[in-house]
N, C-alpha and C. Protein backbone atom coordinates (compact mmCIF):
# COMPACT_ATOMS: atom_id res chain seq x y z
N MET A 1 0.84 -1.20 0.00
CA MET A 1 0.00 0.00 0.00
C MET A 1 0.88 1.25 0.00
N THR A 2 0.34 2.33 -0.55
CA THR A 2 1.05 3.60 -0.58
C THR A 2 0.24 4.65 0.16
N LEU A 3 0.91 5.45 0.96
CA LEU A 3 0.24 6.52 1.69
C LEU A 3 -0.36 7.51 0.70
N THR A 4 -1.53 8.01 1.03
CA THR A 4 -2.22 8.96 0.17
C THR A 4 -1.83 10.38 0.56
N GLY A 5 -1.35 11.14 -0.40
CA GLY A 5 -0.96 12.51 -0.13
C GLY A 5 -0.42 13.16 -1.38
N LYS A 6 0.12 14.35 -1.22
CA LYS A 6 0.67 15.14 -2.33
C LYS A 6 2.16 15.36 -2.10
N VAL A 7 2.98 14.97 -3.06
CA VAL A 7 4.41 15.26 -3.00
C VAL A 7 4.61 16.68 -3.50
N GLU A 8 5.15 17.55 -2.64
CA GLU A 8 5.29 18.95 -3.01
C GLU A 8 6.45 19.59 -2.25
N PHE A 9 6.85 20.76 -2.70
CA PHE A 9 7.90 21.50 -2.00
C PHE A 9 7.33 22.12 -0.73
N ALA A 10 8.10 22.03 0.34
CA ALA A 10 7.69 22.63 1.61
C ALA A 10 7.75 24.15 1.50
N PRO A 11 6.82 24.87 2.11
CA PRO A 11 6.84 26.33 2.04
C PRO A 11 7.84 26.94 3.03
N ILE A 12 8.32 28.11 2.69
CA ILE A 12 9.24 28.83 3.57
C ILE A 12 8.57 29.07 4.92
N GLY A 13 9.35 28.82 5.97
CA GLY A 13 8.86 29.08 7.33
C GLY A 13 8.09 27.96 7.96
N ALA A 14 7.87 26.86 7.23
CA ALA A 14 7.13 25.73 7.80
C ALA A 14 7.86 25.20 9.03
N LEU A 15 7.12 24.93 10.09
CA LEU A 15 7.68 24.44 11.35
C LEU A 15 7.37 22.96 11.51
N GLY A 16 8.41 22.19 11.79
CA GLY A 16 8.22 20.76 11.99
C GLY A 16 9.14 20.23 13.06
N PHE A 17 9.28 18.91 13.10
CA PHE A 17 10.15 18.29 14.09
C PHE A 17 10.59 16.93 13.58
N ASP A 18 11.75 16.48 14.09
CA ASP A 18 12.20 15.12 13.82
C ASP A 18 12.29 14.39 15.14
N THR A 19 11.89 13.13 15.12
CA THR A 19 11.84 12.35 16.36
C THR A 19 12.07 10.87 16.08
N ALA A 20 12.72 10.21 17.03
CA ALA A 20 12.89 8.76 16.97
C ALA A 20 11.78 8.05 17.74
N VAL A 21 10.84 8.81 18.28
CA VAL A 21 9.73 8.25 19.04
C VAL A 21 8.52 8.07 18.14
N PRO A 22 7.99 6.86 18.04
CA PRO A 22 6.82 6.64 17.18
C PRO A 22 5.63 7.50 17.62
N LEU A 23 4.86 7.96 16.64
CA LEU A 23 3.67 8.74 16.92
C LEU A 23 2.42 7.88 16.78
N THR A 24 1.45 8.17 17.61
CA THR A 24 0.13 7.56 17.50
C THR A 24 -0.82 8.60 16.93
N THR A 25 -2.03 8.19 16.66
CA THR A 25 -3.02 9.15 16.18
C THR A 25 -3.18 10.30 17.17
N MET A 26 -3.20 9.97 18.47
CA MET A 26 -3.39 11.00 19.49
C MET A 26 -2.19 11.94 19.58
N THR A 27 -0.97 11.38 19.61
CA THR A 27 0.20 12.25 19.74
C THR A 27 0.42 13.08 18.49
N ALA A 28 0.12 12.50 17.32
CA ALA A 28 0.25 13.25 16.08
C ALA A 28 -0.70 14.45 16.09
N ARG A 29 -1.91 14.24 16.52
CA ARG A 29 -2.86 15.35 16.60
C ARG A 29 -2.40 16.38 17.61
N GLY A 30 -1.76 15.92 18.68
CA GLY A 30 -1.25 16.84 19.69
C GLY A 30 -0.18 17.76 19.13
N TYR A 31 0.74 17.19 18.35
CA TYR A 31 1.79 18.00 17.72
C TYR A 31 1.18 18.99 16.73
N ALA A 32 0.22 18.51 15.94
CA ALA A 32 -0.42 19.40 14.96
C ALA A 32 -1.12 20.55 15.66
N ALA A 33 -1.73 20.26 16.82
CA ALA A 33 -2.43 21.31 17.57
C ALA A 33 -1.46 22.36 18.10
N GLN A 34 -0.18 21.99 18.25
CA GLN A 34 0.84 22.94 18.70
C GLN A 34 1.38 23.80 17.56
N GLY A 35 0.93 23.53 16.35
CA GLY A 35 1.35 24.32 15.21
C GLY A 35 2.40 23.67 14.33
N PHE A 36 2.77 22.42 14.62
CA PHE A 36 3.74 21.74 13.78
C PHE A 36 3.09 21.33 12.46
N GLN A 37 3.82 21.59 11.37
CA GLN A 37 3.28 21.35 10.04
C GLN A 37 3.86 20.10 9.37
N PHE A 38 4.95 19.57 9.91
CA PHE A 38 5.52 18.36 9.33
C PHE A 38 6.31 17.58 10.38
N CYS A 39 6.54 16.32 10.06
CA CYS A 39 7.29 15.43 10.94
C CYS A 39 8.30 14.66 10.08
N ILE A 40 9.51 14.49 10.62
CA ILE A 40 10.53 13.66 9.98
C ILE A 40 10.76 12.46 10.87
N ARG A 41 10.47 11.27 10.34
CA ARG A 41 10.59 10.04 11.11
C ARG A 41 11.68 9.13 10.54
N TYR A 42 12.08 8.16 11.35
CA TYR A 42 13.27 7.36 11.07
C TYR A 42 12.99 6.01 10.43
N VAL A 43 13.99 5.57 9.63
CA VAL A 43 14.07 4.18 9.19
C VAL A 43 15.46 3.65 9.56
N SER A 44 15.60 2.34 9.56
CA SER A 44 16.82 1.69 10.01
C SER A 44 17.87 1.56 8.92
N ARG A 45 19.08 1.21 9.36
CA ARG A 45 20.20 0.99 8.42
C ARG A 45 20.24 -0.46 7.94
N THR A 46 19.89 -1.38 8.82
CA THR A 46 19.97 -2.81 8.52
C THR A 46 18.79 -3.52 9.14
N ASP A 47 18.58 -4.76 8.77
CA ASP A 47 17.53 -5.56 9.41
C ASP A 47 17.83 -5.72 10.89
N ALA A 48 19.10 -5.88 11.23
CA ALA A 48 19.47 -6.04 12.64
C ALA A 48 19.17 -4.79 13.44
N SER A 49 19.49 -3.61 12.89
CA SER A 49 19.23 -2.38 13.63
C SER A 49 17.74 -2.12 13.75
N ARG A 50 16.99 -2.59 12.76
CA ARG A 50 15.54 -2.43 12.83
C ARG A 50 14.98 -3.23 14.01
N ALA A 51 15.47 -4.44 14.17
CA ALA A 51 15.02 -5.27 15.29
C ALA A 51 15.45 -4.67 16.62
N ASP A 52 16.67 -4.13 16.66
CA ASP A 52 17.18 -3.51 17.88
C ASP A 52 16.35 -2.29 18.26
N ASN A 53 15.99 -1.49 17.27
CA ASN A 53 15.16 -0.32 17.53
C ASN A 53 13.83 -0.73 18.14
N ALA A 54 13.21 -1.77 17.57
CA ALA A 54 11.92 -2.23 18.06
C ALA A 54 12.05 -2.76 19.49
N ALA A 55 13.14 -3.46 19.78
CA ALA A 55 13.35 -4.03 21.10
C ALA A 55 13.50 -2.95 22.17
N HIS A 56 13.98 -1.77 21.77
CA HIS A 56 14.18 -0.68 22.71
C HIS A 56 13.06 0.35 22.65
N GLY A 57 11.93 -0.02 22.05
CA GLY A 57 10.79 0.87 22.02
C GLY A 57 10.93 2.04 21.07
N ARG A 58 11.85 1.93 20.12
CA ARG A 58 12.07 3.02 19.17
C ARG A 58 11.71 2.53 17.76
N ALA A 59 10.54 1.97 17.64
CA ALA A 59 10.14 1.40 16.36
C ALA A 59 10.23 2.44 15.25
N ASP A 60 10.70 2.02 14.10
CA ASP A 60 10.77 2.91 12.96
C ASP A 60 9.39 3.14 12.37
N ILE A 61 9.29 4.11 11.48
CA ILE A 61 7.99 4.48 10.94
C ILE A 61 7.34 3.30 10.21
N SER A 62 6.05 3.18 10.41
CA SER A 62 5.23 2.17 9.74
C SER A 62 4.20 2.88 8.88
N GLU A 63 3.52 2.10 8.05
CA GLU A 63 2.47 2.69 7.24
C GLU A 63 1.35 3.25 8.12
N ALA A 64 1.02 2.54 9.21
CA ALA A 64 -0.03 3.01 10.11
C ALA A 64 0.35 4.35 10.74
N GLU A 65 1.63 4.49 11.11
CA GLU A 65 2.06 5.75 11.69
C GLU A 65 2.04 6.86 10.65
N GLY A 66 2.45 6.55 9.43
CA GLY A 66 2.39 7.53 8.36
C GLY A 66 0.98 8.05 8.15
N LYS A 67 0.01 7.14 8.19
CA LYS A 67 -1.39 7.55 8.05
C LYS A 67 -1.81 8.44 9.21
N ALA A 68 -1.33 8.14 10.41
CA ALA A 68 -1.66 8.97 11.57
C ALA A 68 -1.10 10.37 11.43
N ILE A 69 0.14 10.47 10.95
CA ILE A 69 0.78 11.78 10.77
C ILE A 69 0.04 12.60 9.72
N LEU A 70 -0.25 11.99 8.57
CA LEU A 70 -0.97 12.69 7.52
C LEU A 70 -2.40 13.00 7.94
N GLY A 71 -3.00 12.08 8.66
CA GLY A 71 -4.38 12.28 9.12
C GLY A 71 -4.50 13.42 10.11
N ALA A 72 -3.40 13.72 10.82
CA ALA A 72 -3.40 14.83 11.75
C ALA A 72 -3.19 16.17 11.05
N GLY A 73 -2.92 16.12 9.74
CA GLY A 73 -2.73 17.34 8.98
C GLY A 73 -1.28 17.75 8.82
N MET A 74 -0.36 16.86 9.17
CA MET A 74 1.06 17.17 9.03
C MET A 74 1.64 16.46 7.81
N ALA A 75 2.68 17.08 7.23
CA ALA A 75 3.42 16.46 6.13
C ALA A 75 4.49 15.53 6.69
N LEU A 76 5.11 14.75 5.81
CA LEU A 76 6.04 13.71 6.26
C LEU A 76 7.29 13.65 5.39
N MET A 77 8.44 13.48 6.05
CA MET A 77 9.69 13.12 5.39
C MET A 77 10.36 12.04 6.21
N VAL A 78 11.45 11.47 5.67
CA VAL A 78 12.10 10.32 6.30
C VAL A 78 13.60 10.55 6.42
N VAL A 79 14.20 10.09 7.52
CA VAL A 79 15.65 10.13 7.72
C VAL A 79 16.08 8.76 8.23
N GLN A 80 17.30 8.37 7.91
CA GLN A 80 17.82 7.08 8.38
C GLN A 80 18.67 7.27 9.62
N HIS A 81 18.55 6.35 10.58
CA HIS A 81 19.39 6.39 11.78
C HIS A 81 20.87 6.37 11.39
N VAL A 82 21.65 7.18 12.09
CA VAL A 82 23.10 7.15 11.89
C VAL A 82 23.68 5.98 12.66
N ALA A 83 24.84 5.49 12.24
CA ALA A 83 25.52 4.40 12.94
C ALA A 83 26.07 4.90 14.27
N ALA A 84 26.53 3.97 15.10
CA ALA A 84 27.08 4.32 16.40
C ALA A 84 28.33 5.17 16.25
N HIS A 85 28.64 5.92 17.30
CA HIS A 85 29.80 6.82 17.29
C HIS A 85 31.07 6.06 16.89
N GLY A 86 31.85 6.68 15.99
CA GLY A 86 33.10 6.07 15.58
C GLY A 86 32.99 5.17 14.36
N TRP A 87 31.86 5.17 13.72
CA TRP A 87 31.69 4.36 12.51
C TRP A 87 32.59 4.89 11.40
N VAL A 88 32.92 4.03 10.44
CA VAL A 88 33.84 4.41 9.36
C VAL A 88 33.12 4.32 8.02
N PRO A 89 33.01 5.43 7.28
CA PRO A 89 32.30 5.41 6.00
C PRO A 89 33.09 4.74 4.89
N THR A 90 32.40 3.92 4.11
CA THR A 90 32.97 3.30 2.91
C THR A 90 31.91 3.33 1.81
N VAL A 91 32.33 3.17 0.58
CA VAL A 91 31.38 3.13 -0.53
C VAL A 91 30.42 1.95 -0.36
N GLN A 92 30.93 0.79 0.04
CA GLN A 92 30.07 -0.38 0.21
C GLN A 92 29.02 -0.15 1.29
N LEU A 93 29.44 0.48 2.38
CA LEU A 93 28.50 0.75 3.48
C LEU A 93 27.42 1.73 3.01
N GLY A 94 27.82 2.74 2.25
CA GLY A 94 26.84 3.68 1.72
C GLY A 94 25.83 2.99 0.81
N HIS A 95 26.31 2.10 -0.01
CA HIS A 95 25.43 1.31 -0.88
C HIS A 95 24.45 0.49 -0.04
N ASP A 96 24.98 -0.24 0.94
CA ASP A 96 24.14 -1.13 1.74
C ASP A 96 23.10 -0.35 2.56
N TYR A 97 23.52 0.72 3.19
CA TYR A 97 22.59 1.52 3.99
C TYR A 97 21.56 2.21 3.09
N GLY A 98 21.99 2.65 1.92
CA GLY A 98 21.06 3.29 1.00
C GLY A 98 19.97 2.34 0.54
N VAL A 99 20.36 1.09 0.26
CA VAL A 99 19.37 0.07 -0.12
C VAL A 99 18.32 -0.09 0.96
N LYS A 100 18.76 -0.17 2.22
CA LYS A 100 17.83 -0.34 3.34
C LYS A 100 16.97 0.90 3.56
N ALA A 101 17.57 2.09 3.41
CA ALA A 101 16.79 3.32 3.58
C ALA A 101 15.63 3.35 2.61
N ALA A 102 15.91 3.01 1.36
CA ALA A 102 14.86 2.99 0.34
C ALA A 102 13.83 1.90 0.61
N ALA A 103 14.30 0.72 0.98
CA ALA A 103 13.39 -0.41 1.20
C ALA A 103 12.45 -0.15 2.37
N PHE A 104 12.98 0.34 3.48
CA PHE A 104 12.14 0.56 4.65
C PHE A 104 11.20 1.75 4.46
N THR A 105 11.63 2.74 3.68
CA THR A 105 10.75 3.86 3.36
C THR A 105 9.59 3.37 2.51
N ARG A 106 9.89 2.48 1.56
CA ARG A 106 8.84 1.92 0.71
C ARG A 106 7.88 1.05 1.53
N ILE A 107 8.42 0.27 2.44
CA ILE A 107 7.58 -0.59 3.30
C ILE A 107 6.60 0.25 4.10
N ALA A 108 7.04 1.46 4.50
CA ALA A 108 6.17 2.36 5.26
C ALA A 108 5.12 3.03 4.38
N GLY A 109 5.16 2.77 3.07
CA GLY A 109 4.15 3.30 2.17
C GLY A 109 4.42 4.69 1.64
N VAL A 110 5.63 5.20 1.87
CA VAL A 110 5.97 6.55 1.39
C VAL A 110 6.17 6.50 -0.12
N PRO A 111 5.48 7.34 -0.88
CA PRO A 111 5.59 7.29 -2.34
C PRO A 111 6.88 7.91 -2.85
N ALA A 112 7.18 7.66 -4.10
CA ALA A 112 8.36 8.24 -4.74
C ALA A 112 8.27 9.76 -4.76
N GLY A 113 9.44 10.40 -4.82
CA GLY A 113 9.51 11.84 -4.93
C GLY A 113 9.72 12.59 -3.65
N VAL A 114 9.64 11.89 -2.51
CA VAL A 114 9.80 12.51 -1.19
C VAL A 114 11.27 12.51 -0.80
N ASN A 115 11.69 13.52 -0.05
CA ASN A 115 13.05 13.54 0.49
C ASN A 115 13.26 12.44 1.52
N VAL A 116 14.31 11.66 1.31
CA VAL A 116 14.82 10.72 2.31
C VAL A 116 16.22 11.20 2.65
N TRP A 117 16.48 11.41 3.94
CA TRP A 117 17.69 12.10 4.37
C TRP A 117 18.74 11.15 4.92
N LEU A 118 19.98 11.39 4.53
CA LEU A 118 21.14 10.70 5.07
C LEU A 118 21.63 11.49 6.28
N ASP A 119 21.71 10.85 7.43
CA ASP A 119 22.24 11.48 8.65
C ASP A 119 23.76 11.32 8.64
N LEU A 120 24.46 12.41 8.37
CA LEU A 120 25.92 12.37 8.24
C LEU A 120 26.52 13.11 9.43
N GLU A 121 27.16 12.37 10.34
CA GLU A 121 27.76 12.97 11.54
C GLU A 121 28.61 11.93 12.26
N ASP A 122 29.39 12.43 13.24
CA ASP A 122 30.20 11.56 14.10
C ASP A 122 31.18 10.67 13.34
N ILE A 123 31.80 11.23 12.31
CA ILE A 123 32.80 10.50 11.54
C ILE A 123 34.16 10.67 12.23
N PRO A 124 34.96 9.62 12.34
CA PRO A 124 36.26 9.76 13.01
C PRO A 124 37.15 10.81 12.35
N LYS A 125 37.78 11.62 13.17
CA LYS A 125 38.68 12.64 12.65
C LYS A 125 39.82 11.97 11.89
N GLY A 126 40.20 12.55 10.76
CA GLY A 126 41.25 11.99 9.93
C GLY A 126 40.74 11.13 8.79
N THR A 127 39.42 10.86 8.77
CA THR A 127 38.84 10.11 7.66
C THR A 127 38.99 10.92 6.37
N ALA A 128 39.44 10.28 5.32
CA ALA A 128 39.65 10.98 4.05
C ALA A 128 38.34 11.50 3.49
N ALA A 129 38.39 12.70 2.94
CA ALA A 129 37.19 13.30 2.36
C ALA A 129 36.60 12.41 1.27
N ALA A 130 37.46 11.76 0.49
CA ALA A 130 36.98 10.89 -0.58
C ALA A 130 36.17 9.71 -0.04
N ASP A 131 36.53 9.22 1.15
CA ASP A 131 35.78 8.13 1.76
C ASP A 131 34.40 8.61 2.21
N ILE A 132 34.36 9.83 2.72
CA ILE A 132 33.09 10.39 3.20
C ILE A 132 32.16 10.66 2.02
N THR A 133 32.68 11.30 0.99
CA THR A 133 31.83 11.60 -0.17
C THR A 133 31.47 10.32 -0.94
N GLY A 134 32.38 9.36 -0.97
CA GLY A 134 32.08 8.09 -1.63
C GLY A 134 30.95 7.36 -0.94
N TYR A 135 30.99 7.37 0.39
CA TYR A 135 29.91 6.76 1.18
C TYR A 135 28.58 7.45 0.91
N ALA A 136 28.59 8.79 1.00
CA ALA A 136 27.35 9.55 0.82
C ALA A 136 26.79 9.38 -0.57
N ASN A 137 27.63 9.44 -1.58
CA ASN A 137 27.14 9.35 -2.95
C ASN A 137 26.63 7.96 -3.29
N ALA A 138 27.23 6.93 -2.71
CA ALA A 138 26.71 5.58 -2.91
C ALA A 138 25.32 5.45 -2.28
N TRP A 139 25.14 6.06 -1.11
CA TRP A 139 23.84 6.08 -0.44
C TRP A 139 22.82 6.84 -1.29
N PHE A 140 23.21 8.02 -1.75
CA PHE A 140 22.30 8.81 -2.58
C PHE A 140 21.85 8.03 -3.81
N ALA A 141 22.79 7.32 -4.43
CA ALA A 141 22.49 6.60 -5.67
C ALA A 141 21.40 5.55 -5.46
N GLN A 142 21.48 4.83 -4.34
CA GLN A 142 20.48 3.79 -4.07
C GLN A 142 19.12 4.38 -3.75
N VAL A 143 19.11 5.45 -3.01
CA VAL A 143 17.85 6.10 -2.67
C VAL A 143 17.20 6.70 -3.93
N LYS A 144 18.02 7.32 -4.76
CA LYS A 144 17.51 7.90 -6.00
C LYS A 144 16.99 6.82 -6.95
N ALA A 145 17.71 5.71 -7.02
CA ALA A 145 17.29 4.62 -7.91
C ALA A 145 15.92 4.06 -7.52
N ALA A 146 15.58 4.18 -6.23
CA ALA A 146 14.28 3.70 -5.75
C ALA A 146 13.17 4.72 -5.96
N GLY A 147 13.52 5.88 -6.49
CA GLY A 147 12.50 6.89 -6.80
C GLY A 147 12.38 8.00 -5.78
N TYR A 148 13.18 7.93 -4.72
CA TYR A 148 13.14 8.99 -3.70
C TYR A 148 14.16 10.07 -4.02
N VAL A 149 14.05 11.20 -3.32
CA VAL A 149 14.97 12.32 -3.54
C VAL A 149 15.92 12.40 -2.35
N PRO A 150 17.21 12.10 -2.56
CA PRO A 150 18.14 12.08 -1.44
C PRO A 150 18.51 13.47 -0.95
N GLY A 151 18.63 13.58 0.36
CA GLY A 151 19.12 14.79 0.99
C GLY A 151 20.10 14.40 2.08
N VAL A 152 20.82 15.38 2.62
CA VAL A 152 21.80 15.08 3.65
C VAL A 152 21.64 16.00 4.85
N TYR A 153 21.60 15.39 6.02
CA TYR A 153 21.63 16.10 7.30
C TYR A 153 23.09 16.22 7.70
N VAL A 154 23.58 17.46 7.85
CA VAL A 154 24.97 17.69 8.19
C VAL A 154 25.06 18.01 9.68
N GLY A 155 25.66 17.08 10.43
CA GLY A 155 25.83 17.27 11.86
C GLY A 155 27.27 17.61 12.20
N PHE A 156 27.69 17.27 13.42
CA PHE A 156 29.05 17.54 13.85
C PHE A 156 30.01 16.46 13.32
N ASN A 157 31.26 16.85 13.18
CA ASN A 157 32.33 15.93 12.79
C ASN A 157 32.08 15.27 11.43
N VAL A 158 31.78 16.11 10.46
CA VAL A 158 31.60 15.63 9.09
C VAL A 158 32.90 15.77 8.30
N TRP A 159 33.73 16.77 8.62
CA TRP A 159 35.08 16.93 8.07
C TRP A 159 35.12 17.22 6.58
N LEU A 160 34.08 17.83 6.06
CA LEU A 160 34.08 18.29 4.67
C LEU A 160 34.05 19.81 4.65
N THR A 161 34.69 20.40 3.66
CA THR A 161 34.70 21.84 3.51
C THR A 161 33.39 22.30 2.87
N PRO A 162 33.08 23.60 2.93
CA PRO A 162 31.89 24.09 2.25
C PRO A 162 31.85 23.73 0.76
N ASP A 163 32.99 23.83 0.07
CA ASP A 163 33.03 23.47 -1.35
C ASP A 163 32.84 21.98 -1.56
N GLN A 164 33.40 21.16 -0.69
CA GLN A 164 33.23 19.71 -0.82
C GLN A 164 31.77 19.32 -0.61
N LEU A 165 31.11 19.96 0.34
CA LEU A 165 29.70 19.68 0.57
C LEU A 165 28.87 20.02 -0.67
N PHE A 166 29.21 21.10 -1.34
CA PHE A 166 28.43 21.53 -2.51
C PHE A 166 28.82 20.79 -3.78
N PHE A 167 30.11 20.74 -4.07
CA PHE A 167 30.55 20.21 -5.36
C PHE A 167 30.66 18.68 -5.39
N ASP A 168 31.00 18.07 -4.26
CA ASP A 168 31.33 16.65 -4.27
C ASP A 168 30.19 15.73 -3.83
N LEU A 169 29.15 16.28 -3.22
CA LEU A 169 28.00 15.46 -2.83
C LEU A 169 26.91 15.56 -3.90
N HIS A 170 26.37 14.42 -4.29
CA HIS A 170 25.39 14.36 -5.37
C HIS A 170 23.96 14.53 -4.83
N THR A 171 23.72 15.70 -4.26
CA THR A 171 22.41 16.03 -3.74
C THR A 171 22.18 17.52 -3.88
N GLU A 172 20.93 17.92 -3.87
CA GLU A 172 20.58 19.34 -3.90
C GLU A 172 19.82 19.74 -2.65
N HIS A 173 19.80 18.86 -1.64
CA HIS A 173 19.00 19.10 -0.45
C HIS A 173 19.86 18.95 0.80
N TYR A 174 19.96 20.04 1.58
CA TYR A 174 20.82 20.06 2.76
C TYR A 174 20.03 20.51 3.99
N TRP A 175 20.25 19.79 5.08
CA TRP A 175 19.59 20.03 6.37
C TRP A 175 20.70 20.15 7.40
N ARG A 176 20.71 21.19 8.21
CA ARG A 176 21.80 21.38 9.14
C ARG A 176 21.36 21.19 10.58
N ALA A 177 22.29 20.65 11.36
CA ALA A 177 22.08 20.52 12.80
C ALA A 177 22.21 21.88 13.46
N SER A 178 21.76 21.94 14.70
CA SER A 178 21.93 23.14 15.50
C SER A 178 23.38 23.26 15.94
N GLY A 179 23.91 24.47 16.03
CA GLY A 179 25.28 24.66 16.49
C GLY A 179 26.21 25.15 15.40
N ASN A 180 27.50 24.97 15.63
CA ASN A 180 28.53 25.45 14.71
C ASN A 180 28.77 24.42 13.62
N ILE A 181 27.97 24.47 12.58
CA ILE A 181 27.99 23.49 11.50
C ILE A 181 28.57 24.13 10.24
N THR A 182 29.36 23.36 9.50
CA THR A 182 29.96 23.86 8.26
C THR A 182 28.89 24.31 7.27
N GLU A 183 29.12 25.46 6.66
CA GLU A 183 28.19 25.96 5.66
C GLU A 183 28.35 25.18 4.34
N VAL A 184 27.36 25.29 3.49
CA VAL A 184 27.41 24.72 2.14
C VAL A 184 27.62 25.87 1.16
N SER A 185 28.76 25.88 0.49
CA SER A 185 29.05 27.00 -0.40
C SER A 185 28.03 27.07 -1.53
N HIS A 186 27.76 28.30 -1.98
CA HIS A 186 26.89 28.58 -3.13
C HIS A 186 25.40 28.32 -2.85
N ARG A 187 25.10 27.26 -2.12
CA ARG A 187 23.69 26.88 -1.93
C ARG A 187 23.18 27.20 -0.54
N GLY A 188 23.87 26.75 0.50
CA GLY A 188 23.35 26.88 1.85
C GLY A 188 22.39 25.75 2.19
N TYR A 189 21.59 25.97 3.23
CA TYR A 189 20.71 24.93 3.75
C TYR A 189 19.23 25.25 3.50
N GLN A 190 18.42 24.17 3.47
CA GLN A 190 16.98 24.29 3.27
C GLN A 190 16.19 23.99 4.53
N LEU A 191 16.86 23.31 5.46
CA LEU A 191 16.18 22.86 6.66
C LEU A 191 17.12 23.10 7.85
N PHE A 192 16.59 23.76 8.89
CA PHE A 192 17.40 24.16 10.04
C PHE A 192 16.84 23.51 11.30
N GLN A 193 17.69 22.77 12.00
CA GLN A 193 17.28 22.07 13.21
C GLN A 193 17.59 22.93 14.44
N HIS A 194 16.68 22.89 15.41
CA HIS A 194 16.85 23.59 16.68
C HIS A 194 16.67 22.57 17.79
N THR A 195 17.77 22.18 18.42
CA THR A 195 17.75 21.09 19.39
C THR A 195 17.00 21.48 20.66
N GLN A 196 16.17 20.55 21.12
CA GLN A 196 15.42 20.73 22.36
C GLN A 196 16.21 20.18 23.54
N ASN A 197 15.79 20.54 24.73
CA ASN A 197 16.40 19.99 25.93
C ASN A 197 15.96 18.54 26.12
N ALA A 198 16.89 17.71 26.55
CA ALA A 198 16.56 16.31 26.82
C ALA A 198 15.71 16.22 28.09
N GLY A 199 15.04 15.09 28.27
CA GLY A 199 14.28 14.87 29.49
C GLY A 199 12.81 15.21 29.36
N THR A 200 12.38 15.66 28.20
CA THR A 200 10.96 15.93 27.99
C THR A 200 10.23 14.60 27.76
N PRO A 201 8.91 14.58 27.95
CA PRO A 201 8.18 13.32 27.78
C PRO A 201 8.42 12.66 26.43
N GLN A 202 8.51 13.45 25.37
CA GLN A 202 8.85 12.93 24.06
C GLN A 202 9.95 13.81 23.49
N GLU A 203 11.15 13.29 23.43
CA GLU A 203 12.26 14.09 22.94
C GLU A 203 12.17 14.26 21.43
N PHE A 204 12.36 15.48 20.97
CA PHE A 204 12.33 15.77 19.56
C PHE A 204 13.11 17.06 19.32
N ASP A 205 13.41 17.31 18.06
CA ASP A 205 14.08 18.54 17.67
C ASP A 205 13.19 19.29 16.70
N LYS A 206 13.09 20.60 16.90
CA LYS A 206 12.32 21.43 15.97
C LYS A 206 13.12 21.66 14.69
N ASP A 207 12.42 21.80 13.60
CA ASP A 207 13.03 22.07 12.30
C ASP A 207 12.23 23.14 11.58
N VAL A 208 12.94 24.04 10.89
CA VAL A 208 12.28 25.12 10.16
C VAL A 208 12.77 25.11 8.71
N VAL A 209 11.84 25.27 7.78
CA VAL A 209 12.16 25.31 6.35
C VAL A 209 12.54 26.74 5.95
N MET A 210 13.68 26.87 5.27
CA MET A 210 14.11 28.14 4.68
C MET A 210 14.74 27.82 3.33
N TYR A 211 14.20 28.36 2.25
CA TYR A 211 14.76 28.05 0.93
C TYR A 211 16.23 28.47 0.87
N ASP A 212 17.03 27.67 0.15
CA ASP A 212 18.45 27.98 0.07
C ASP A 212 18.73 29.06 -0.98
N SER A 213 19.99 29.37 -1.17
CA SER A 213 20.36 30.46 -2.07
C SER A 213 20.08 30.18 -3.53
N LEU A 214 19.80 28.93 -3.88
CA LEU A 214 19.45 28.55 -5.25
C LEU A 214 17.97 28.24 -5.38
N SER A 215 17.19 28.71 -4.40
CA SER A 215 15.74 28.53 -4.36
C SER A 215 15.33 27.07 -4.18
N GLY A 216 16.23 26.26 -3.61
CA GLY A 216 15.92 24.87 -3.34
C GLY A 216 15.12 24.72 -2.06
N ALA A 217 14.26 23.72 -2.01
CA ALA A 217 13.41 23.47 -0.85
C ALA A 217 13.24 21.97 -0.64
N PRO A 218 12.92 21.56 0.59
CA PRO A 218 12.65 20.14 0.84
C PRO A 218 11.39 19.68 0.13
N LEU A 219 11.34 18.39 -0.18
CA LEU A 219 10.18 17.76 -0.80
C LEU A 219 9.54 16.82 0.21
N TRP A 220 8.29 17.09 0.52
CA TRP A 220 7.61 16.27 1.53
C TRP A 220 6.34 15.67 0.97
N LEU A 221 5.75 14.76 1.74
CA LEU A 221 4.44 14.21 1.43
C LEU A 221 3.43 14.94 2.30
N ALA A 222 2.59 15.75 1.68
CA ALA A 222 1.58 16.52 2.40
C ALA A 222 0.26 15.77 2.40
N PRO A 223 -0.61 16.05 3.38
CA PRO A 223 -1.92 15.42 3.37
C PRO A 223 -2.68 15.73 2.09
N ALA A 224 -3.45 14.79 1.61
CA ALA A 224 -4.21 14.98 0.37
C ALA A 224 -5.26 16.08 0.56
């Protein structure tokens, strides 16, 4: 089954959030009532990580949850869980994780054309830039081949220059973490994260849409 909605560019100033906590119909309506216009939910890197997430109460997005989010009047995008701290990027790993990102997004019923985001952060210092871009581009290729639009979340310890982020990564969609994050030359970012304090009943981070310098914007699945 495929979720019913409209694939469209997000408007400037749209307020949303990303969370690893599954939403129910009630909680989704609660977020919408607070003024949130979109939600970014997670998919796993591997079958093993998917099982681990479920075992720890952090189930990845399902079709039922997607319907709840859209039914509450919010739009939807997808991001993949990053590996544990100290992971090492390779082209093969990017390929493998990209395959899973696309597969689990499809299983959740998300239609083609929506942004699926690569969470890029916590890379060991000294990792060659070519290894980082090779990993990311292999991931992008698999997600794109499945019909989705790849984007990248740039967090801490990415070790790429502004020019490398723009020229060497095969994406037109950039989302930045809160804090001192490397800029993307020529383009900039389309999605800005504002980290919340931990310890709240449902931990999440706010995100705001701002078109980049080339008029680029995120692509989401909006309610029909």
